Amino acid sequence: MPAIKVGVREFREQIARFLESDTPVAVTRRGETLGVYVPTPRKSVKSAEMTELRAAADRLAAALSDVDEEEIVAEFKQMRRGRKAAAR
């Protein structure tokens, strides 16, 4: 696979894009190649790991199913008011 040639500044500004890519990148300064970034093959998420993650997400959703968001916000605000009053 041929490498993409980019300048140092472009490499630095777009490093996240290059890190996600599978294409090697030749980093140049004034037309001279300084180095080559060669991405390593990523490990694919195994289906067993994905199944475990989905099961954990389902358990979390079930645990939070009866939580009232507005009640939590009101309780949080009340606690903050109590701390501010105690600090005075």
PDB file of N, CA and C in Angstrom:
ATOM      1  N   MET A   1       0.852  -1.171   0.000  1.00  0.00           N
ATOM      2  CA  MET A   1       0.000   0.000   0.000  1.00  0.00           C
ATOM      3  C   MET A   1       0.900   1.237   0.000  1.00  0.00           C
ATOM      4  N   PRO A   2       0.723   2.141  -0.958  1.00  0.00           N
ATOM      5  CA  PRO A   2       1.572   3.327  -1.022  1.00  0.00           C
ATOM      6  C   PRO A   2       1.258   4.300   0.113  1.00  0.00           C
ATOM      7  N   ALA A   3       2.285   5.012   0.553  1.00  0.00           N
ATOM      8  CA  ALA A   3       2.134   5.970   1.655  1.00  0.00           C
ATOM      9  C   ALA A   3       1.623   7.301   1.126  1.00  0.00           C
ATOM     10  N   ILE A   4       0.880   7.995   1.965  1.00  0.00           N
ATOM     11  CA  ILE A   4       0.429   9.350   1.673  1.00  0.00           C
ATOM     12  C   ILE A   4       1.537  10.281   2.132  1.00  0.00           C
ATOM     13  N   LYS A   5       1.897  11.288   1.332  1.00  0.00           N
ATOM     14  CA  LYS A   5       2.911  12.253   1.736  1.00  0.00           C
ATOM     15  C   LYS A   5       2.224  13.492   2.284  1.00  0.00           C
ATOM     16  N   VAL A   6       2.604  13.872   3.500  1.00  0.00           N
ATOM     17  CA  VAL A   6       2.061  15.080   4.124  1.00  0.00           C
ATOM     18  C   VAL A   6       3.184  15.819   4.829  1.00  0.00           C
ATOM     19  N   GLY A   7       3.018  17.119   4.933  1.00  0.00           N
ATOM     20  CA  GLY A   7       3.991  17.929   5.651  1.00  0.00           C
ATOM     21  C   GLY A   7       3.817  17.760   7.154  1.00  0.00           C
ATOM     22  N   VAL A   8       4.826  18.215   7.886  1.00  0.00           N
ATOM     23  CA  VAL A   8       4.812  18.086   9.340  1.00  0.00           C
ATOM     24  C   VAL A   8       3.591  18.785   9.929  1.00  0.00           C
ATOM     25  N   ARG A   9       3.317  19.997   9.483  1.00  0.00           N
ATOM     26  CA  ARG A   9       2.185  20.766  10.022  1.00  0.00           C
ATOM     27  C   ARG A   9       0.863  20.047   9.769  1.00  0.00           C
ATOM     28  N   GLU A  10       0.665  19.567   8.539  1.00  0.00           N
ATOM     29  CA  GLU A  10      -0.577  18.856   8.219  1.00  0.00           C
ATOM     30  C   GLU A  10      -0.701  17.578   9.052  1.00  0.00           C
ATOM     31  N   PHE A  11       0.404  16.868   9.235  1.00  0.00           N
ATOM     32  CA  PHE A  11       0.378  15.647  10.045  1.00  0.00           C
ATOM     33  C   PHE A  11      -0.028  15.976  11.472  1.00  0.00           C
ATOM     34  N   ARG A  12       0.565  17.021  12.019  1.00  0.00           N
ATOM     35  CA  ARG A  12       0.271  17.418  13.397  1.00  0.00           C
ATOM     36  C   ARG A  12      -1.185  17.855  13.538  1.00  0.00           C
ATOM     37  N   GLU A  13      -1.694  18.633  12.590  1.00  0.00           N
ATOM     38  CA  GLU A  13      -3.062  19.146  12.660  1.00  0.00           C
ATOM     39  C   GLU A  13      -4.112  18.057  12.461  1.00  0.00           C
ATOM     40  N   GLN A  14      -3.778  17.028  11.690  1.00  0.00           N
ATOM     41  CA  GLN A  14      -4.764  15.998  11.367  1.00  0.00           C
ATOM     42  C   GLN A  14      -4.356  14.621  11.884  1.00  0.00           C
ATOM     43  N   ILE A  15      -3.609  14.607  12.977  1.00  0.00           N
ATOM     44  CA  ILE A  15      -3.073  13.340  13.473  1.00  0.00           C
ATOM     45  C   ILE A  15      -4.178  12.340  13.818  1.00  0.00           C
ATOM     46  N   ALA A  16      -5.293  12.820  14.350  1.00  0.00           N
ATOM     47  CA  ALA A  16      -6.380  11.895  14.702  1.00  0.00           C
ATOM     48  C   ALA A  16      -6.871  11.146  13.468  1.00  0.00           C
ATOM     49  N   ARG A  17      -6.989  11.838  12.358  1.00  0.00           N
ATOM     50  CA  ARG A  17      -7.435  11.194  11.115  1.00  0.00           C
ATOM     51  C   ARG A  17      -6.430  10.144  10.663  1.00  0.00           C
ATOM     52  N   PHE A  18      -5.136  10.472  10.746  1.00  0.00           N
ATOM     53  CA  PHE A  18      -4.106   9.529  10.301  1.00  0.00           C
ATOM     54  C   PHE A  18      -4.025   8.319  11.233  1.00  0.00           C
ATOM     55  N   LEU A  19      -4.247   8.531  12.538  1.00  0.00           N
ATOM     56  CA  LEU A  19      -4.209   7.415  13.480  1.00  0.00           C
ATOM     57  C   LEU A  19      -5.343   6.427  13.247  1.00  0.00           C
ATOM     58  N   GLU A  20      -6.471   6.908  12.752  1.00  0.00           N
ATOM     59  CA  GLU A  20      -7.616   6.034  12.474  1.00  0.00           C
ATOM     60  C   GLU A  20      -7.499   5.321  11.126  1.00  0.00           C
ATOM     61  N   SER A  21      -6.642   5.826  10.268  1.00  0.00           N
ATOM     62  CA  SER A  21      -6.498   5.278   8.925  1.00  0.00           C
ATOM     63  C   SER A  21      -5.628   4.023   8.932  1.00  0.00           C
ATOM     64  N   ASP A  22      -5.761   3.223   7.907  1.00  0.00           N
ATOM     65  CA  ASP A  22      -4.915   2.045   7.729  1.00  0.00           C
ATOM     66  C   ASP A  22      -3.778   2.307   6.749  1.00  0.00           C
ATOM     67  N   THR A  23      -3.704   3.528   6.224  1.00  0.00           N
ATOM     68  CA  THR A  23      -2.728   3.881   5.200  1.00  0.00           C
ATOM     69  C   THR A  23      -1.467   4.460   5.827  1.00  0.00           C
ATOM     70  N   PRO A  24      -0.282   4.011   5.422  1.00  0.00           N
ATOM     71  CA  PRO A  24       0.959   4.603   5.924  1.00  0.00           C
ATOM     72  C   PRO A  24       1.066   6.075   5.508  1.00  0.00           C
ATOM     73  N   VAL A  25       1.742   6.873   6.337  1.00  0.00           N
ATOM     74  CA  VAL A  25       1.885   8.299   6.071  1.00  0.00           C
ATOM     75  C   VAL A  25       3.360   8.660   6.111  1.00  0.00           C
ATOM     76  N   ALA A  26       3.860   9.234   5.005  1.00  0.00           N
ATOM     77  CA  ALA A  26       5.234   9.737   4.965  1.00  0.00           C
ATOM     78  C   ALA A  26       5.181  11.205   5.370  1.00  0.00           C
ATOM     79  N   VAL A  27       5.886  11.552   6.438  1.00  0.00           N
ATOM     80  CA  VAL A  27       5.901  12.920   6.953  1.00  0.00           C
ATOM     81  C   VAL A  27       7.120  13.628   6.375  1.00  0.00           C
ATOM     82  N   THR A  28       6.859  14.767   5.730  1.00  0.00           N
ATOM     83  CA  THR A  28       7.936  15.483   5.047  1.00  0.00           C
ATOM     84  C   THR A  28       8.109  16.892   5.596  1.00  0.00           C
ATOM     85  N   ARG A  29       9.322  17.421   5.405  1.00  0.00           N
ATOM     86  CA  ARG A  29       9.608  18.822   5.682  1.00  0.00           C
ATOM     87  C   ARG A  29      10.391  19.343   4.493  1.00  0.00           C
ATOM     88  N   ARG A  30       9.828  20.345   3.859  1.00  0.00           N
ATOM     89  CA  ARG A  30      10.439  20.950   2.667  1.00  0.00           C
ATOM     90  C   ARG A  30      10.753  19.900   1.604  1.00  0.00           C
ATOM     91  N   GLY A  31       9.837  18.950   1.446  1.00  0.00           N
ATOM     92  CA  GLY A  31       9.970  17.931   0.414  1.00  0.00           C
ATOM     93  C   GLY A  31      10.814  16.733   0.796  1.00  0.00           C
ATOM     94  N   GLU A  32      11.494  16.789   1.935  1.00  0.00           N
ATOM     95  CA  GLU A  32      12.339  15.677   2.365  1.00  0.00           C
ATOM     96  C   GLU A  32      11.594  14.838   3.402  1.00  0.00           C
ATOM     97  N   THR A  33      11.586  13.543   3.197  1.00  0.00           N
ATOM     98  CA  THR A  33      10.876  12.658   4.115  1.00  0.00           C
ATOM     99  C   THR A  33      11.644  12.553   5.430  1.00  0.00           C
ATOM    100  N   LEU A  34      10.928  12.878   6.519  1.00  0.00           N
ATOM    101  CA  LEU A  34      11.518  12.797   7.855  1.00  0.00           C
ATOM    102  C   LEU A  34      11.271  11.441   8.498  1.00  0.00           C
ATOM    103  N   GLY A  35      10.112  10.884   8.205  1.00  0.00           N
ATOM    104  CA  GLY A  35       9.762   9.605   8.797  1.00  0.00           C
ATOM    105  C   GLY A  35       8.479   9.089   8.202  1.00  0.00           C
ATOM    106  N   VAL A  36       8.155   7.867   8.542  1.00  0.00           N
ATOM    107  CA  VAL A  36       6.948   7.241   8.026  1.00  0.00           C
ATOM    108  C   VAL A  36       6.166   6.664   9.199  1.00  0.00           C
ATOM    109  N   TYR A  37       4.893   7.032   9.281  1.00  0.00           N
ATOM    110  CA  TYR A  37       4.003   6.444  10.278  1.00  0.00           C
ATOM    111  C   TYR A  37       3.327   5.252   9.620  1.00  0.00           C
ATOM    112  N   VAL A  38       3.530   4.071  10.193  1.00  0.00           N
ATOM    113  CA  VAL A  38       2.925   2.850   9.661  1.00  0.00           C
ATOM    114  C   VAL A  38       1.973   2.306  10.723  1.00  0.00           C
ATOM    115  N   PRO A  39       0.670   2.395  10.484  1.00  0.00           N
ATOM    116  CA  PRO A  39      -0.292   1.913  11.479  1.00  0.00           C
ATOM    117  C   PRO A  39      -0.209   0.397  11.634  1.00  0.00           C
ATOM    118  N   THR A  40      -0.371  -0.049  12.855  1.00  0.00           N
ATOM    119  CA  THR A  40      -0.388  -1.484  13.106  1.00  0.00           C
ATOM    120  C   THR A  40      -1.814  -1.993  12.964  1.00  0.00           C
ATOM    121  N   PRO A  41      -1.979  -3.236  12.612  1.00  0.00           N
ATOM    122  CA  PRO A  41      -3.339  -3.783  12.496  1.00  0.00           C
ATOM    123  C   PRO A  41      -4.052  -3.715  13.840  1.00  0.00           C
ATOM    124  N   ARG A  42      -5.278  -3.240  13.808  1.00  0.00           N
ATOM    125  CA  ARG A  42      -6.075  -3.145  15.034  1.00  0.00           C
ATOM    126  C   ARG A  42      -6.705  -4.488  15.346  1.00  0.00           C
ATOM    127  N   LYS A  43      -6.818  -4.753  16.635  1.00  0.00           N
ATOM    128  CA  LYS A  43      -7.527  -5.952  17.047  1.00  0.00           C
ATOM    129  C   LYS A  43      -9.012  -5.696  16.876  1.00  0.00           C
ATOM    130  N   SER A  44      -9.679  -6.608  16.247  1.00  0.00           N
ATOM    131  CA  SER A  44     -11.122  -6.453  16.107  1.00  0.00           C
ATOM    132  C   SER A  44     -11.783  -6.873  17.417  1.00  0.00           C
ATOM    133  N   VAL A  45     -12.888  -6.240  17.707  1.00  0.00           N
ATOM    134  CA  VAL A  45     -13.614  -6.581  18.929  1.00  0.00           C
ATOM    135  C   VAL A  45     -14.234  -7.957  18.728  1.00  0.00           C
ATOM    136  N   LYS A  46     -13.892  -8.848  19.614  1.00  0.00           N
ATOM    137  CA  LYS A  46     -14.409 -10.212  19.508  1.00  0.00           C
ATOM    138  C   LYS A  46     -15.890 -10.211  19.824  1.00  0.00           C
ATOM    139  N   SER A  47     -16.609 -11.103  19.195  1.00  0.00           N
ATOM    140  CA  SER A  47     -18.052 -11.155  19.398  1.00  0.00           C
ATOM    141  C   SER A  47     -18.409 -11.456  20.851  1.00  0.00           C
ATOM    142  N   ALA A  48     -17.578 -12.244  21.542  1.00  0.00           N
ATOM    143  CA  ALA A  48     -17.846 -12.544  22.953  1.00  0.00           C
ATOM    144  C   ALA A  48     -17.731 -11.277  23.791  1.00  0.00           C
ATOM    145  N   GLU A  49     -16.739 -10.440  23.489  1.00  0.00           N
ATOM    146  CA  GLU A  49     -16.583  -9.179  24.204  1.00  0.00           C
ATOM    147  C   GLU A  49     -17.767  -8.257  23.934  1.00  0.00           C
ATOM    148  N   MET A  50     -18.211  -8.224  22.686  1.00  0.00           N
ATOM    149  CA  MET A  50     -19.367  -7.397  22.331  1.00  0.00           C
ATOM    150  C   MET A  50     -20.609  -7.876  23.065  1.00  0.00           C
ATOM    151  N   THR A  51     -20.782  -9.177  23.154  1.00  0.00           N
ATOM    152  CA  THR A  51     -21.933  -9.739  23.858  1.00  0.00           C
ATOM    153  C   THR A  51     -21.899  -9.338  25.327  1.00  0.00           C
ATOM    154  N   GLU A  52     -20.711  -9.400  25.926  1.00  0.00           N
ATOM    155  CA  GLU A  52     -20.572  -8.989  27.329  1.00  0.00           C
ATOM    156  C   GLU A  52     -20.886  -7.507  27.498  1.00  0.00           C
ATOM    157  N   LEU A  53     -20.407  -6.688  26.573  1.00  0.00           N
ATOM    158  CA  LEU A  53     -20.681  -5.250  26.649  1.00  0.00           C
ATOM    159  C   LEU A  53     -22.175  -4.959  26.510  1.00  0.00           C
ATOM    160  N   ARG A  54     -22.824  -5.637  25.595  1.00  0.00           N
ATOM    161  CA  ARG A  54     -24.271  -5.444  25.422  1.00  0.00           C
ATOM    162  C   ARG A  54     -25.036  -5.877  26.667  1.00  0.00           C
ATOM    163  N   ALA A  55     -24.621  -6.993  27.268  1.00  0.00           N
ATOM    164  CA  ALA A  55     -25.273  -7.474  28.485  1.00  0.00           C
ATOM    165  C   ALA A  55     -25.089  -6.475  29.624  1.00  0.00           C
ATOM    166  N   ALA A  56     -23.888  -5.918  29.741  1.00  0.00           N
ATOM    167  CA  ALA A  56     -23.634  -4.915  30.780  1.00  0.00           C
ATOM    168  C   ALA A  56     -24.475  -3.668  30.539  1.00  0.00           C
ATOM    169  N   ALA A  57     -24.598  -3.254  29.290  1.00  0.00           N
ATOM    170  CA  ALA A  57     -25.422  -2.089  28.961  1.00  0.00           C
ATOM    171  C   ALA A  57     -26.884  -2.350  29.288  1.00  0.00           C
ATOM    172  N   ASP A  58     -27.347  -3.556  29.020  1.00  0.00           N
ATOM    173  CA  ASP A  58     -28.733  -3.913  29.353  1.00  0.00           C
ATOM    174  C   ASP A  58     -28.962  -3.901  30.863  1.00  0.00           C
ATOM    175  N   ARG A  59     -27.989  -4.414  31.638  1.00  0.00           N
ATOM    176  CA  ARG A  59     -28.106  -4.393  33.098  1.00  0.00           C
ATOM    177  C   ARG A  59     -28.134  -2.960  33.624  1.00  0.00           C
ATOM    178  N   LEU A  60     -27.299  -2.107  33.063  1.00  0.00           N
ATOM    179  CA  LEU A  60     -27.277  -0.703  33.473  1.00  0.00           C
ATOM    180  C   LEU A  60     -28.596  -0.026  33.147  1.00  0.00           C
ATOM    181  N   ALA A  61     -29.119  -0.270  31.961  1.00  0.00           N
ATOM    182  CA  ALA A  61     -30.403   0.323  31.570  1.00  0.00           C
ATOM    183  C   ALA A  61     -31.513  -0.143  32.504  1.00  0.00           C
ATOM    184  N   ALA A  62     -31.494  -1.408  32.877  1.00  0.00           N
ATOM    185  CA  ALA A  62     -32.511  -1.931  33.791  1.00  0.00           C
ATOM    186  C   ALA A  62     -32.380  -1.291  35.169  1.00  0.00           C
ATOM    187  N   ALA A  63     -31.142  -1.098  35.628  1.00  0.00           N
ATOM    188  CA  ALA A  63     -30.921  -0.489  36.940  1.00  0.00           C
ATOM    189  C   ALA A  63     -31.365   0.969  36.961  1.00  0.00           C
ATOM    190  N   LEU A  64     -31.268   1.647  35.836  1.00  0.00           N
ATOM    191  CA  LEU A  64     -31.629   3.065  35.766  1.00  0.00           C
ATOM    192  C   LEU A  64     -33.058   3.297  35.277  1.00  0.00           C
ATOM    193  N   SER A  65     -33.791   2.237  35.021  1.00  0.00           N
ATOM    194  CA  SER A  65     -35.121   2.387  34.422  1.00  0.00           C
ATOM    195  C   SER A  65     -36.098   3.139  35.313  1.00  0.00           C
ATOM    196  N   ASP A  66     -35.971   3.003  36.629  1.00  0.00           N
ATOM    197  CA  ASP A  66     -36.914   3.667  37.529  1.00  0.00           C
ATOM    198  C   ASP A  66     -36.366   4.982  38.097  1.00  0.00           C
ATOM    199  N   VAL A  67     -35.264   5.451  37.569  1.00  0.00           N
ATOM    200  CA  VAL A  67     -34.657   6.698  38.033  1.00  0.00           C
ATOM    201  C   VAL A  67     -35.343   7.870  37.347  1.00  0.00           C
ATOM    202  N   ASP A  68     -35.763   8.844  38.169  1.00  0.00           N
ATOM    203  CA  ASP A  68     -36.394  10.055  37.636  1.00  0.00           C
ATOM    204  C   ASP A  68     -35.330  11.141  37.551  1.00  0.00           C
ATOM    205  N   GLU A  69     -35.025  11.539  36.349  1.00  0.00           N
ATOM    206  CA  GLU A  69     -33.965  12.516  36.108  1.00  0.00           C
ATOM    207  C   GLU A  69     -34.237  13.841  36.818  1.00  0.00           C
ATOM    208  N   GLU A  70     -35.450  14.320  36.762  1.00  0.00           N
ATOM    209  CA  GLU A  70     -35.791  15.598  37.404  1.00  0.00           C
ATOM    210  C   GLU A  70     -35.643  15.513  38.922  1.00  0.00           C
ATOM    211  N   GLU A  71     -35.957  14.360  39.491  1.00  0.00           N
ATOM    212  CA  GLU A  71     -35.809  14.158  40.932  1.00  0.00           C
ATOM    213  C   GLU A  71     -34.338  14.222  41.336  1.00  0.00           C
ATOM    214  N   ILE A  72     -33.484  13.631  40.526  1.00  0.00           N
ATOM    215  CA  ILE A  72     -32.051  13.655  40.807  1.00  0.00           C
ATOM    216  C   ILE A  72     -31.512  15.080  40.719  1.00  0.00           C
ATOM    217  N   VAL A  73     -31.931  15.828  39.707  1.00  0.00           N
ATOM    218  CA  VAL A  73     -31.471  17.214  39.547  1.00  0.00           C
ATOM    219  C   VAL A  73     -31.933  18.056  40.732  1.00  0.00           C
ATOM    220  N   ALA A  74     -33.176  17.891  41.147  1.00  0.00           N
ATOM    221  CA  ALA A  74     -33.696  18.644  42.289  1.00  0.00           C
ATOM    222  C   ALA A  74     -32.919  18.296  43.561  1.00  0.00           C
ATOM    223  N   GLU A  75     -32.631  17.026  43.771  1.00  0.00           N
ATOM    224  CA  GLU A  75     -31.868  16.590  44.943  1.00  0.00           C
ATOM    225  C   GLU A  75     -30.458  17.169  44.917  1.00  0.00           C
ATOM    226  N   PHE A  76     -29.845  17.188  43.737  1.00  0.00           N
ATOM    227  CA  PHE A  76     -28.503  17.748  43.586  1.00  0.00           C
ATOM    228  C   PHE A  76     -28.502  19.235  43.927  1.00  0.00           C
ATOM    229  N   LYS A  77     -29.485  19.971  43.407  1.00  0.00           N
ATOM    230  CA  LYS A  77     -29.566  21.409  43.682  1.00  0.00           C
ATOM    231  C   LYS A  77     -29.767  21.661  45.173  1.00  0.00           C
ATOM    232  N   GLN A  78     -30.582  20.847  45.819  1.00  0.00           N
ATOM    233  CA  GLN A  78     -30.836  20.994  47.244  1.00  0.00           C
ATOM    234  C   GLN A  78     -29.542  20.746  48.037  1.00  0.00           C
ATOM    235  N   MET A  79     -28.783  19.744  47.650  1.00  0.00           N
ATOM    236  CA  MET A  79     -27.527  19.447  48.332  1.00  0.00           C
ATOM    237  C   MET A  79     -26.535  20.596  48.159  1.00  0.00           C
ATOM    238  N   ARG A  80     -26.478  21.174  46.974  1.00  0.00           N
ATOM    239  CA  ARG A  80     -25.560  22.292  46.741  1.00  0.00           C
ATOM    240  C   ARG A  80     -25.943  23.487  47.590  1.00  0.00           C
ATOM    241  N   ARG A  81     -27.252  23.764  47.659  1.00  0.00           N
ATOM    242  CA  ARG A  81     -27.704  24.888  48.489  1.00  0.00           C
ATOM    243  C   ARG A  81     -27.320  24.670  49.949  1.00  0.00           C
ATOM    244  N   GLY A  82     -27.446  23.433  50.418  1.00  0.00           N
ATOM    245  CA  GLY A  82     -27.092  23.091  51.795  1.00  0.00           C
ATOM    246  C   GLY A  82     -25.602  23.293  52.060  1.00  0.00           C
ATOM    247  N   ARG A  83     -24.768  22.924  51.123  1.00  0.00           N
ATOM    248  CA  ARG A  83     -23.314  23.081  51.285  1.00  0.00           C
ATOM    249  C   ARG A  83     -22.930  24.566  51.273  1.00  0.00           C
ATOM    250  N   LYS A  84     -23.573  25.342  50.378  1.00  0.00           N
ATOM    251  CA  LYS A  84     -23.275  26.777  50.302  1.00  0.00           C
ATOM    252  C   LYS A  84     -23.691  27.466  51.603  1.00  0.00           C
ATOM    253  N   ALA A  85     -24.832  27.076  52.138  1.00  0.00           N
ATOM    254  CA  ALA A  85     -25.312  27.672  53.388  1.00  0.00           C
ATOM    255  C   ALA A  85     -24.394  27.296  54.549  1.00  0.00           C
ATOM    256  N   ALA A  86     -23.895  26.075  54.567  1.00  0.00           N
ATOM    257  CA  ALA A  86     -23.021  25.626  55.646  1.00  0.00           C
ATOM    258  C   ALA A  86     -21.652  26.306  55.566  1.00  0.00           C
ATOM    259  N   ALA A  87     -21.221  26.681  54.362  1.00  0.00           N
ATOM    260  CA  ALA A  87     -19.919  27.295  54.165  1.00  0.00           C
ATOM    261  C   ALA A  87     -19.920  28.762  54.622  1.00  0.00           C
ATOM    262  N   ARG A  88     -21.087  29.363  54.700  1.00  0.00           N
ATOM    263  CA  ARG A  88     -21.168  30.788  55.065  1.00  0.00           C
ATOM    264  C   ARG A  88     -21.046  30.987  56.495  1.00  0.00           C
TER     265      ARG A  88
END
